[in-house]
Amino acid sequence: NRPVITLGANAWTWATNHDVYNLNFTGTVTS
C-alpha cells in the first residue's frame, strides 16, 4: 500500500539531507 513512483528508464537523484519515507520505486535505469 505504499504509493508507487514508476521511474521507467529515468533515475531519481536527490540532494544532501533528503529523507524519503513510505514510497515504492520501480524502474530500469542503471542507478
PDB file of all heavy atoms in Angstrom:
ATOM      1  N   ASN A   1       0.802  -1.224   0.000  1.00  0.00           N
ATOM      2  CA  ASN A   1       0.000   0.000   0.000  1.00  0.00           C
ATOM      3  C   ASN A   1       0.841   1.284   0.000  1.00  0.00           C
ATOM      4  O   ASN A   1       0.312   2.371   0.167  1.00  0.00           O
ATOM      5  CB  ASN A   1      -1.001   0.006   1.160  1.00  0.00           C
ATOM      6  CG  ASN A   1      -0.350   0.109   2.529  1.00  0.00           C
ATOM      7  OD1 ASN A   1       0.868   0.239   2.638  1.00  0.00           O
ATOM      8  ND2 ASN A   1      -1.151   0.041   3.562  1.00  0.00           N
ATOM      9  N   ARG A   2       2.149   1.154  -0.207  1.00  0.00           N
ATOM     10  CA  ARG A   2       2.967   2.358  -0.368  1.00  0.00           C
ATOM     11  C   ARG A   2       2.650   3.004  -1.717  1.00  0.00           C
ATOM     12  O   ARG A   2       2.487   2.310  -2.712  1.00  0.00           O
ATOM     13  CB  ARG A   2       4.456   2.000  -0.350  1.00  0.00           C
ATOM     14  CG  ARG A   2       4.969   1.424   0.921  1.00  0.00           C
ATOM     15  CD  ARG A   2       6.459   1.076   0.725  1.00  0.00           C
ATOM     16  NE  ARG A   2       7.001   0.367   1.843  1.00  0.00           N
ATOM     17  CZ  ARG A   2       7.360  -0.923   1.824  1.00  0.00           C
ATOM     18  NH1 ARG A   2       7.206  -1.643   0.723  1.00  0.00           N
ATOM     19  NH2 ARG A   2       7.872  -1.488   2.880  1.00  0.00           N
ATOM     20  N   PRO A   3       2.605   4.328  -1.805  1.00  0.00           N
ATOM     21  CA  PRO A   3       2.428   4.978  -3.105  1.00  0.00           C
ATOM     22  C   PRO A   3       3.582   4.597  -4.041  1.00  0.00           C
ATOM     23  O   PRO A   3       4.737   4.559  -3.629  1.00  0.00           O
ATOM     24  CB  PRO A   3       2.476   6.469  -2.779  1.00  0.00           C
ATOM     25  CG  PRO A   3       2.106   6.550  -1.334  1.00  0.00           C
ATOM     26  CD  PRO A   3       2.641   5.294  -0.712  1.00  0.00           C
ATOM     27  N   VAL A   4       3.255   4.313  -5.313  1.00  0.00           N
ATOM     28  CA  VAL A   4       4.239   3.843  -6.283  1.00  0.00           C
ATOM     29  C   VAL A   4       4.723   4.994  -7.150  1.00  0.00           C
ATOM     30  O   VAL A   4       3.917   5.773  -7.677  1.00  0.00           O
ATOM     31  CB  VAL A   4       3.637   2.737  -7.177  1.00  0.00           C
ATOM     32  CG1 VAL A   4       4.646   2.284  -8.225  1.00  0.00           C
ATOM     33  CG2 VAL A   4       3.188   1.557  -6.333  1.00  0.00           C
ATOM     34  N   ILE A   5       6.032   5.077  -7.311  1.00  0.00           N
ATOM     35  CA  ILE A   5       6.639   6.014  -8.249  1.00  0.00           C
ATOM     36  C   ILE A   5       7.299   5.166  -9.328  1.00  0.00           C
ATOM     37  O   ILE A   5       8.295   4.485  -9.073  1.00  0.00           O
ATOM     38  CB  ILE A   5       7.657   6.938  -7.560  1.00  0.00           C
ATOM     39  CG1 ILE A   5       6.944   7.796  -6.529  1.00  0.00           C
ATOM     40  CG2 ILE A   5       8.385   7.782  -8.594  1.00  0.00           C
ATOM     41  CD1 ILE A   5       7.828   8.718  -5.742  1.00  0.00           C
ATOM     42  N   THR A   6       6.715   5.175 -10.515  1.00  0.00           N
ATOM     43  CA  THR A   6       7.230   4.379 -11.627  1.00  0.00           C
ATOM     44  C   THR A   6       8.176   5.251 -12.434  1.00  0.00           C
ATOM     45  O   THR A   6       7.755   6.194 -13.100  1.00  0.00           O
ATOM     46  CB  THR A   6       6.064   3.878 -12.504  1.00  0.00           C
ATOM     47  OG1 THR A   6       5.156   3.158 -11.677  1.00  0.00           O
ATOM     48  CG2 THR A   6       6.571   2.975 -13.602  1.00  0.00           C
ATOM     49  N   LEU A   7       9.475   4.930 -12.342  1.00  0.00           N
ATOM     50  CA  LEU A   7      10.502   5.742 -12.983  1.00  0.00           C
ATOM     51  C   LEU A   7      10.754   5.340 -14.429  1.00  0.00           C
ATOM     52  O   LEU A   7      11.306   6.124 -15.197  1.00  0.00           O
ATOM     53  CB  LEU A   7      11.804   5.664 -12.186  1.00  0.00           C
ATOM     54  CG  LEU A   7      11.731   6.222 -10.771  1.00  0.00           C
ATOM     55  CD1 LEU A   7      12.985   5.880  -9.991  1.00  0.00           C
ATOM     56  CD2 LEU A   7      11.517   7.720 -10.804  1.00  0.00           C
ATOM     57  N   GLY A   8      10.403   4.114 -14.806  1.00  0.00           N
ATOM     58  CA  GLY A   8      10.699   3.644 -16.159  1.00  0.00           C
ATOM     59  C   GLY A   8      12.198   3.654 -16.386  1.00  0.00           C
ATOM     60  O   GLY A   8      12.961   3.118 -15.588  1.00  0.00           O
ATOM     61  N   ALA A   9      12.652   4.297 -17.458  1.00  0.00           N
ATOM     62  CA  ALA A   9      14.084   4.376 -17.766  1.00  0.00           C
ATOM     63  C   ALA A   9      14.705   5.665 -17.223  1.00  0.00           C
ATOM     64  O   ALA A   9      15.754   6.100 -17.674  1.00  0.00           O
ATOM     65  CB  ALA A   9      14.294   4.289 -19.274  1.00  0.00           C
ATOM     66  N   ASN A  10      14.055   6.286 -16.239  1.00  0.00           N
ATOM     67  CA  ASN A  10      14.560   7.521 -15.629  1.00  0.00           C
ATOM     68  C   ASN A  10      15.100   7.237 -14.239  1.00  0.00           C
ATOM     69  O   ASN A  10      14.678   6.307 -13.577  1.00  0.00           O
ATOM     70  CB  ASN A  10      13.437   8.558 -15.536  1.00  0.00           C
ATOM     71  CG  ASN A  10      12.887   8.907 -16.885  1.00  0.00           C
ATOM     72  OD1 ASN A  10      13.598   9.436 -17.726  1.00  0.00           O
ATOM     73  ND2 ASN A  10      11.634   8.590 -17.123  1.00  0.00           N
ATOM     74  N   ALA A  11      16.021   8.071 -13.794  1.00  0.00           N
ATOM     75  CA  ALA A  11      16.605   7.944 -12.455  1.00  0.00           C
ATOM     76  C   ALA A  11      16.047   9.041 -11.547  1.00  0.00           C
ATOM     77  O   ALA A  11      15.644  10.099 -12.017  1.00  0.00           O
ATOM     78  CB  ALA A  11      18.120   8.071 -12.533  1.00  0.00           C
ATOM     79  N   TRP A  12      16.058   8.765 -10.241  1.00  0.00           N
ATOM     80  CA  TRP A  12      15.702   9.785  -9.271  1.00  0.00           C
ATOM     81  C   TRP A  12      16.925   9.997  -8.394  1.00  0.00           C
ATOM     82  O   TRP A  12      17.346   9.109  -7.677  1.00  0.00           O
ATOM     83  CB  TRP A  12      14.499   9.375  -8.433  1.00  0.00           C
ATOM     84  CG  TRP A  12      14.043  10.462  -7.488  1.00  0.00           C
ATOM     85  CD1 TRP A  12      14.566  11.708  -7.342  1.00  0.00           C
ATOM     86  CD2 TRP A  12      12.967  10.380  -6.560  1.00  0.00           C
ATOM     87  NE1 TRP A  12      13.877  12.414  -6.393  1.00  0.00           N
ATOM     88  CE2 TRP A  12      12.896  11.625  -5.899  1.00  0.00           C
ATOM     89  CE3 TRP A  12      12.059   9.401  -6.218  1.00  0.00           C
ATOM     90  CZ2 TRP A  12      11.960  11.887  -4.908  1.00  0.00           C
ATOM     91  CZ3 TRP A  12      11.128   9.673  -5.241  1.00  0.00           C
ATOM     92  CH2 TRP A  12      11.076  10.901  -4.597  1.00  0.00           C
ATOM     93  N   THR A  13      17.484  11.194  -8.455  1.00  0.00           N
ATOM     94  CA  THR A  13      18.652  11.561  -7.662  1.00  0.00           C
ATOM     95  C   THR A  13      18.265  12.738  -6.797  1.00  0.00           C
ATOM     96  O   THR A  13      17.733  13.730  -7.293  1.00  0.00           O
ATOM     97  CB  THR A  13      19.829  11.968  -8.581  1.00  0.00           C
ATOM     98  OG1 THR A  13      20.130  10.867  -9.432  1.00  0.00           O
ATOM     99  CG2 THR A  13      21.049  12.342  -7.769  1.00  0.00           C
ATOM    100  N   TRP A  14      18.508  12.618  -5.486  1.00  0.00           N
ATOM    101  CA  TRP A  14      18.179  13.752  -4.636  1.00  0.00           C
ATOM    102  C   TRP A  14      19.431  14.306  -3.982  1.00  0.00           C
ATOM    103  O   TRP A  14      20.456  13.650  -3.893  1.00  0.00           O
ATOM    104  CB  TRP A  14      17.082  13.444  -3.638  1.00  0.00           C
ATOM    105  CG  TRP A  14      17.310  12.361  -2.630  1.00  0.00           C
ATOM    106  CD1 TRP A  14      18.048  12.429  -1.499  1.00  0.00           C
ATOM    107  CD2 TRP A  14      16.759  11.041  -2.650  1.00  0.00           C
ATOM    108  NE1 TRP A  14      17.987  11.255  -0.813  1.00  0.00           N
ATOM    109  CE2 TRP A  14      17.204  10.380  -1.502  1.00  0.00           C
ATOM    110  CE3 TRP A  14      15.924  10.364  -3.522  1.00  0.00           C
ATOM    111  CZ2 TRP A  14      16.850   9.067  -1.189  1.00  0.00           C
ATOM    112  CZ3 TRP A  14      15.579   9.066  -3.223  1.00  0.00           C
ATOM    113  CH2 TRP A  14      16.035   8.440  -2.069  1.00  0.00           C
ATOM    114  N   ALA A  15      19.319  15.525  -3.511  1.00  0.00           N
ATOM    115  CA  ALA A  15      20.453  16.266  -2.964  1.00  0.00           C
ATOM    116  C   ALA A  15      20.695  15.902  -1.498  1.00  0.00           C
ATOM    117  O   ALA A  15      20.007  15.080  -0.913  1.00  0.00           O
ATOM    118  CB  ALA A  15      20.192  17.771  -3.102  1.00  0.00           C
ATOM    119  N   THR A  16      21.661  16.560  -0.897  1.00  0.00           N
ATOM    120  CA  THR A  16      22.027  16.347   0.502  1.00  0.00           C
ATOM    121  C   THR A  16      20.835  16.575   1.423  1.00  0.00           C
ATOM    122  O   THR A  16      20.025  17.470   1.195  1.00  0.00           O
ATOM    123  CB  THR A  16      23.172  17.309   0.875  1.00  0.00           C
ATOM    124  OG1 THR A  16      24.277  17.026   0.014  1.00  0.00           O
ATOM    125  CG2 THR A  16      23.612  17.145   2.302  1.00  0.00           C
ATOM    126  N   ASN A  17      20.757  15.753   2.467  1.00  0.00           N
ATOM    127  CA  ASN A  17      19.746  15.890   3.528  1.00  0.00           C
ATOM    128  C   ASN A  17      18.303  15.735   3.053  1.00  0.00           C
ATOM    129  O   ASN A  17      17.416  16.435   3.517  1.00  0.00           O
ATOM    130  CB  ASN A  17      19.899  17.218   4.263  1.00  0.00           C
ATOM    131  CG  ASN A  17      21.184  17.264   5.049  1.00  0.00           C
ATOM    132  OD1 ASN A  17      21.623  16.268   5.603  1.00  0.00           O
ATOM    133  ND2 ASN A  17      21.809  18.427   5.072  1.00  0.00           N
ATOM    134  N   HIS A  18      18.069  14.807   2.148  1.00  0.00           N
ATOM    135  CA  HIS A  18      16.700  14.461   1.762  1.00  0.00           C
ATOM    136  C   HIS A  18      16.354  13.137   2.435  1.00  0.00           C
ATOM    137  O   HIS A  18      17.090  12.169   2.342  1.00  0.00           O
ATOM    138  CB  HIS A  18      16.572  14.303   0.250  1.00  0.00           C
ATOM    139  CG  HIS A  18      16.457  15.603  -0.465  1.00  0.00           C
ATOM    140  ND1 HIS A  18      15.408  15.913  -1.273  1.00  0.00           N
ATOM    141  CD2 HIS A  18      17.268  16.691  -0.485  1.00  0.00           C
ATOM    142  CE1 HIS A  18      15.559  17.118  -1.768  1.00  0.00           C
ATOM    143  NE2 HIS A  18      16.687  17.611  -1.309  1.00  0.00           N
ATOM    144  N   ASP A  19      15.212  13.107   3.115  1.00  0.00           N
ATOM    145  CA  ASP A  19      14.728  11.901   3.786  1.00  0.00           C
ATOM    146  C   ASP A  19      13.471  11.436   3.064  1.00  0.00           C
ATOM    147  O   ASP A  19      12.545  12.214   2.844  1.00  0.00           O
ATOM    148  CB  ASP A  19      14.409  12.178   5.250  1.00  0.00           C
ATOM    149  CG  ASP A  19      15.647  12.548   6.055  1.00  0.00           C
ATOM    150  OD1 ASP A  19      16.775  12.438   5.530  1.00  0.00           O
ATOM    151  OD2 ASP A  19      15.484  12.950   7.218  1.00  0.00           O
ATOM    152  N   VAL A  20      13.441  10.142   2.704  1.00  0.00           N
ATOM    153  CA  VAL A  20      12.330   9.594   1.922  1.00  0.00           C
ATOM    154  C   VAL A  20      11.682   8.474   2.718  1.00  0.00           C
ATOM    155  O   VAL A  20      12.363   7.529   3.138  1.00  0.00           O
ATOM    156  CB  VAL A  20      12.825   9.092   0.553  1.00  0.00           C
ATOM    157  CG1 VAL A  20      11.688   8.504  -0.244  1.00  0.00           C
ATOM    158  CG2 VAL A  20      13.501  10.224  -0.218  1.00  0.00           C
ATOM    159  N   TYR A  21      10.369   8.572   2.929  1.00  0.00           N
ATOM    160  CA  TYR A  21       9.622   7.606   3.729  1.00  0.00           C
ATOM    161  C   TYR A  21       8.468   7.016   2.922  1.00  0.00           C
ATOM    162  O   TYR A  21       7.777   7.735   2.195  1.00  0.00           O
ATOM    163  CB  TYR A  21       9.000   8.292   4.957  1.00  0.00           C
ATOM    164  CG  TYR A  21       9.979   8.872   5.931  1.00  0.00           C
ATOM    165  CD1 TYR A  21      10.483  10.156   5.749  1.00  0.00           C
ATOM    166  CD2 TYR A  21      10.392   8.159   7.054  1.00  0.00           C
ATOM    167  CE1 TYR A  21      11.376  10.706   6.657  1.00  0.00           C
ATOM    168  CE2 TYR A  21      11.269   8.702   7.965  1.00  0.00           C
ATOM    169  CZ  TYR A  21      11.765   9.972   7.758  1.00  0.00           C
ATOM    170  OH  TYR A  21      12.644  10.516   8.650  1.00  0.00           O
ATOM    171  N   ASN A  22       8.210   5.729   3.111  1.00  0.00           N
ATOM    172  CA  ASN A  22       6.966   5.072   2.699  1.00  0.00           C
ATOM    173  C   ASN A  22       6.643   5.147   1.210  1.00  0.00           C
ATOM    174  O   ASN A  22       5.484   5.320   0.843  1.00  0.00           O
ATOM    175  CB  ASN A  22       5.768   5.657   3.467  1.00  0.00           C
ATOM    176  CG  ASN A  22       5.998   5.728   4.947  1.00  0.00           C
ATOM    177  OD1 ASN A  22       6.690   4.902   5.515  1.00  0.00           O
ATOM    178  ND2 ASN A  22       5.426   6.726   5.582  1.00  0.00           N
ATOM    179  N   LEU A  23       7.641   5.006   0.341  1.00  0.00           N
ATOM    180  CA  LEU A  23       7.390   5.027  -1.100  1.00  0.00           C
ATOM    181  C   LEU A  23       7.849   3.729  -1.739  1.00  0.00           C
ATOM    182  O   LEU A  23       8.708   3.024  -1.207  1.00  0.00           O
ATOM    183  CB  LEU A  23       8.090   6.220  -1.753  1.00  0.00           C
ATOM    184  CG  LEU A  23       7.571   7.599  -1.361  1.00  0.00           C
ATOM    185  CD1 LEU A  23       8.428   8.695  -1.981  1.00  0.00           C
ATOM    186  CD2 LEU A  23       6.122   7.776  -1.755  1.00  0.00           C
ATOM    187  N   ASN A  24       7.293   3.424  -2.909  1.00  0.00           N
ATOM    188  CA  ASN A  24       7.624   2.233  -3.674  1.00  0.00           C
ATOM    189  C   ASN A  24       8.118   2.696  -5.043  1.00  0.00           C
ATOM    190  O   ASN A  24       7.361   3.303  -5.799  1.00  0.00           O
ATOM    191  CB  ASN A  24       6.370   1.356  -3.813  1.00  0.00           C
ATOM    192  CG  ASN A  24       6.627   0.060  -4.534  1.00  0.00           C
ATOM    193  OD1 ASN A  24       7.685  -0.161  -5.105  1.00  0.00           O
ATOM    194  ND2 ASN A  24       5.631  -0.802  -4.533  1.00  0.00           N
ATOM    195  N   PHE A  25       9.401   2.438  -5.349  1.00  0.00           N
ATOM    196  CA  PHE A  25      10.002   2.859  -6.610  1.00  0.00           C
ATOM    197  C   PHE A  25      10.197   1.650  -7.514  1.00  0.00           C
ATOM    198  O   PHE A  25      10.684   0.608  -7.061  1.00  0.00           O
ATOM    199  CB  PHE A  25      11.382   3.483  -6.383  1.00  0.00           C
ATOM    200  CG  PHE A  25      11.381   4.711  -5.535  1.00  0.00           C
ATOM    201  CD1 PHE A  25      11.548   4.630  -4.166  1.00  0.00           C
ATOM    202  CD2 PHE A  25      11.229   5.961  -6.112  1.00  0.00           C
ATOM    203  CE1 PHE A  25      11.565   5.764  -3.371  1.00  0.00           C
ATOM    204  CE2 PHE A  25      11.240   7.103  -5.328  1.00  0.00           C
ATOM    205  CZ  PHE A  25      11.412   7.007  -3.955  1.00  0.00           C
ATOM    206  N   THR A  26       9.870   1.783  -8.796  1.00  0.00           N
ATOM    207  CA  THR A  26      10.196   0.761  -9.777  1.00  0.00           C
ATOM    208  C   THR A  26      10.801   1.446 -10.994  1.00  0.00           C
ATOM    209  O   THR A  26      10.498   2.608 -11.283  1.00  0.00           O
ATOM    210  CB  THR A  26       8.956  -0.046 -10.236  1.00  0.00           C
ATOM    211  OG1 THR A  26       8.045   0.842 -10.875  1.00  0.00           O
ATOM    212  CG2 THR A  26       8.284  -0.734  -9.067  1.00  0.00           C
ATOM    213  N   GLY A  27      11.687   0.728 -11.693  1.00  0.00           N
ATOM    214  CA  GLY A  27      12.312   1.289 -12.883  1.00  0.00           C
ATOM    215  C   GLY A  27      13.363   0.366 -13.438  1.00  0.00           C
ATOM    216  O   GLY A  27      13.563  -0.754 -12.956  1.00  0.00           O
ATOM    217  N   THR A  28      14.087   0.858 -14.463  1.00  0.00           N
ATOM    218  CA  THR A  28      15.050   0.019 -15.173  1.00  0.00           C
ATOM    219  C   THR A  28      16.399   0.678 -15.440  1.00  0.00           C
ATOM    220  O   THR A  28      17.274   0.064 -16.024  1.00  0.00           O
ATOM    221  CB  THR A  28      14.465  -0.399 -16.533  1.00  0.00           C
ATOM    222  OG1 THR A  28      14.182   0.772 -17.305  1.00  0.00           O
ATOM    223  CG2 THR A  28      13.211  -1.237 -16.368  1.00  0.00           C
ATOM    224  N   VAL A  29      16.596   1.915 -15.043  1.00  0.00           N
ATOM    225  CA  VAL A  29      17.813   2.655 -15.381  1.00  0.00           C
ATOM    226  C   VAL A  29      19.023   2.120 -14.613  1.00  0.00           C
ATOM    227  O   VAL A  29      18.881   1.384 -13.629  1.00  0.00           O
ATOM    228  CB  VAL A  29      17.588   4.169 -15.129  1.00  0.00           C
ATOM    229  CG1 VAL A  29      17.591   4.482 -13.653  1.00  0.00           C
ATOM    230  CG2 VAL A  29      18.587   5.013 -15.879  1.00  0.00           C
ATOM    231  N   THR A  30      20.243   2.483 -15.004  1.00  0.00           N
ATOM    232  CA  THR A  30      21.477   1.948 -14.423  1.00  0.00           C
ATOM    233  C   THR A  30      21.544   2.112 -12.918  1.00  0.00           C
ATOM    234  O   THR A  30      21.800   1.164 -12.198  1.00  0.00           O
ATOM    235  CB  THR A  30      22.712   2.601 -15.085  1.00  0.00           C
ATOM    236  OG1 THR A  30      22.653   2.327 -16.483  1.00  0.00           O
ATOM    237  CG2 THR A  30      23.988   2.056 -14.517  1.00  0.00           C
ATOM    238  N   SER A  31      21.371   3.304 -12.403  1.00  0.00           N
ATOM    239  CA  SER A  31      21.260   3.536 -10.956  1.00  0.00           C
ATOM    240  C   SER A  31      19.928   4.238 -10.740  1.00  0.00           C
ATOM    241  O   SER A  31      19.808   5.447 -10.936  1.00  0.00           O
ATOM    242  CB  SER A  31      22.411   4.379 -10.426  1.00  0.00           C
ATOM    243  OG  SER A  31      23.601   3.621 -10.411  1.00  0.00           O
TER     244      SER A  31
END
